[in-house]
């Protein structure tokens, strides 16, 4: 099975940068550099964004602590970080972190 990975040379030249936007429902139109923080009630429920590898798949990350797997995020100085890393087990099989809005690829 082949992986769609961004070559290391290009990873440093073309660092993908994300901004975040708070919304109350899953978006119908997606922009490549936006991470949508979906919050219908008191707590954020999901993060939605287009995969940074270029495959154009939507990535949905669960934020609800009583479900597995679960991610958390932090916003500092208007930049978003997501914990732990994102490992796509289907599709492109990319593995990366998003720290302060910048994609950092796993080796």
Protein backbone atom coordinates (compact mmCIF):
# COMPACT_ATOMS: atom_id res chain seq x y z
CA UNK A 1 0.00 0.00 0.00
CA UNK A 2 1.54 3.32 -1.01
CA UNK A 3 1.56 6.35 1.23
CA UNK A 4 0.95 9.87 0.01
CA UNK A 5 3.72 11.74 1.76
CA UNK A 6 5.13 15.16 1.12
CA UNK A 7 8.89 14.85 0.43
CA UNK A 8 11.07 16.33 3.20
CA UNK A 9 12.54 18.90 0.83
CA UNK A 10 9.09 20.36 0.14
CA UNK A 11 7.92 20.11 3.74
CA UNK A 12 10.26 22.91 4.78
CA UNK A 13 9.73 25.04 1.68
CA UNK A 14 5.94 24.86 1.73
CA UNK A 15 4.93 24.74 5.37
CA UNK A 16 1.17 24.51 5.57
CA UNK A 17 -0.26 27.12 7.93
CA UNK A 18 -3.71 26.94 9.45
CA UNK A 19 -6.01 29.51 11.00
CA UNK A 20 -9.02 28.56 13.07
CA UNK A 21 -12.65 29.57 12.96
CA UNK A 22 -15.38 28.86 15.53
CA UNK A 23 -18.65 27.62 14.01
CA UNK A 24 -21.81 25.96 15.33
CA UNK A 25 -22.30 23.29 12.64
CA UNK A 26 -20.10 21.15 10.39
CA UNK A 27 -19.15 23.33 7.40
CA UNK A 28 -20.55 22.73 3.92
CA UNK A 29 -17.74 24.60 2.19
CA UNK A 30 -14.19 24.14 3.35
CA UNK A 31 -11.13 26.27 2.89
CA UNK A 32 -7.71 24.65 2.83
CA UNK A 33 -6.10 26.78 5.50
CA UNK A 34 -8.92 26.79 8.07
CA UNK A 35 -9.46 24.47 11.03
CA UNK A 36 -13.13 24.67 11.98
CA UNK A 37 -13.88 24.35 15.71
CA UNK A 38 -17.44 23.00 15.80
CA UNK A 39 -19.33 23.87 18.98
CA UNK A 40 -23.11 23.49 19.25
CA UNK A 41 -23.41 23.57 23.05
CA UNK A 42 -21.16 24.60 25.91
CA UNK A 43 -18.10 22.62 24.79
CA UNK A 44 -16.36 22.21 21.41
CA UNK A 45 -17.19 18.83 19.84
CA UNK A 46 -15.18 18.43 16.65
CA UNK A 47 -12.31 19.87 14.64
CA UNK A 48 -12.76 19.74 10.85
CA UNK A 49 -10.17 20.63 8.22
CA UNK A 50 -8.79 19.55 4.85
CA UNK A 51 -5.85 17.15 5.14
CA UNK A 52 -2.56 19.02 4.65
CA UNK A 53 -1.00 16.27 2.47
CA UNK A 54 -2.93 17.41 -0.60
CA UNK A 55 -5.39 14.49 -0.83
CA UNK A 56 -8.30 16.95 -0.23
CA UNK A 57 -10.00 14.61 2.29
CA UNK A 58 -11.78 16.16 5.23
CA UNK A 59 -10.30 15.27 8.62
CA UNK A 60 -12.73 15.05 11.55
CA UNK A 61 -11.19 15.00 15.04
CA UNK A 62 -13.36 14.17 18.04
CA UNK A 63 -13.03 16.51 21.03
CA UNK A 64 -15.52 14.73 23.33
CA UNK A 65 -13.62 13.19 26.24
CA UNK A 66 -16.02 10.27 26.71
CA UNK A 67 -15.36 8.93 23.17
CA UNK A 68 -12.21 7.37 21.73
CA UNK A 69 -10.04 8.52 20.05
CA UNK A 70 -10.08 12.04 21.43
CA UNK A 71 -7.97 15.11 20.73
CA UNK A 72 -7.55 18.41 22.52
CA UNK A 73 -6.56 21.79 21.21
CA UNK A 74 -5.07 24.97 22.55
CA UNK A 75 -5.20 28.47 21.14
CA UNK A 76 -2.32 30.82 21.89
CA UNK A 77 -1.93 34.22 20.28
CA UNK A 78 -4.62 33.36 17.72
CA UNK A 79 -2.78 30.17 16.65
CA UNK A 80 -4.13 26.65 17.14
CA UNK A 81 -2.26 23.56 18.33
CA UNK A 82 -3.77 20.05 18.35
CA UNK A 83 -2.77 17.19 20.66
CA UNK A 84 -1.83 14.36 20.19
CA UNK A 85 -0.56 13.91 16.63
CA UNK A 86 -2.93 13.09 13.78
CA UNK A 87 -2.36 9.66 12.22
CA UNK A 88 -4.71 8.87 9.35
CA UNK A 89 -5.21 5.11 9.26
CA UNK A 90 -7.25 5.21 6.04
CA UNK A 91 -6.81 7.13 2.82
CA UNK A 92 -3.50 8.97 2.56
CA UNK A 93 -2.14 7.55 5.85
CA UNK A 94 -0.45 10.85 6.72
CA UNK A 95 1.02 11.43 10.17
CA UNK A 96 1.59 14.96 11.46
CA UNK A 97 1.18 17.45 14.29
CA UNK A 98 -0.33 20.91 14.10
CA UNK A 99 1.53 23.27 16.41
CA UNK A 100 0.81 26.99 16.51
CA UNK A 101 -1.00 26.66 13.20
CA UNK A 102 1.91 24.96 11.38
CA UNK A 103 1.93 21.37 10.12
CA UNK A 104 4.91 19.35 11.35
CA UNK A 105 5.26 16.04 9.52
CA UNK A 106 6.21 12.85 11.33
CA UNK A 107 9.37 11.20 10.07
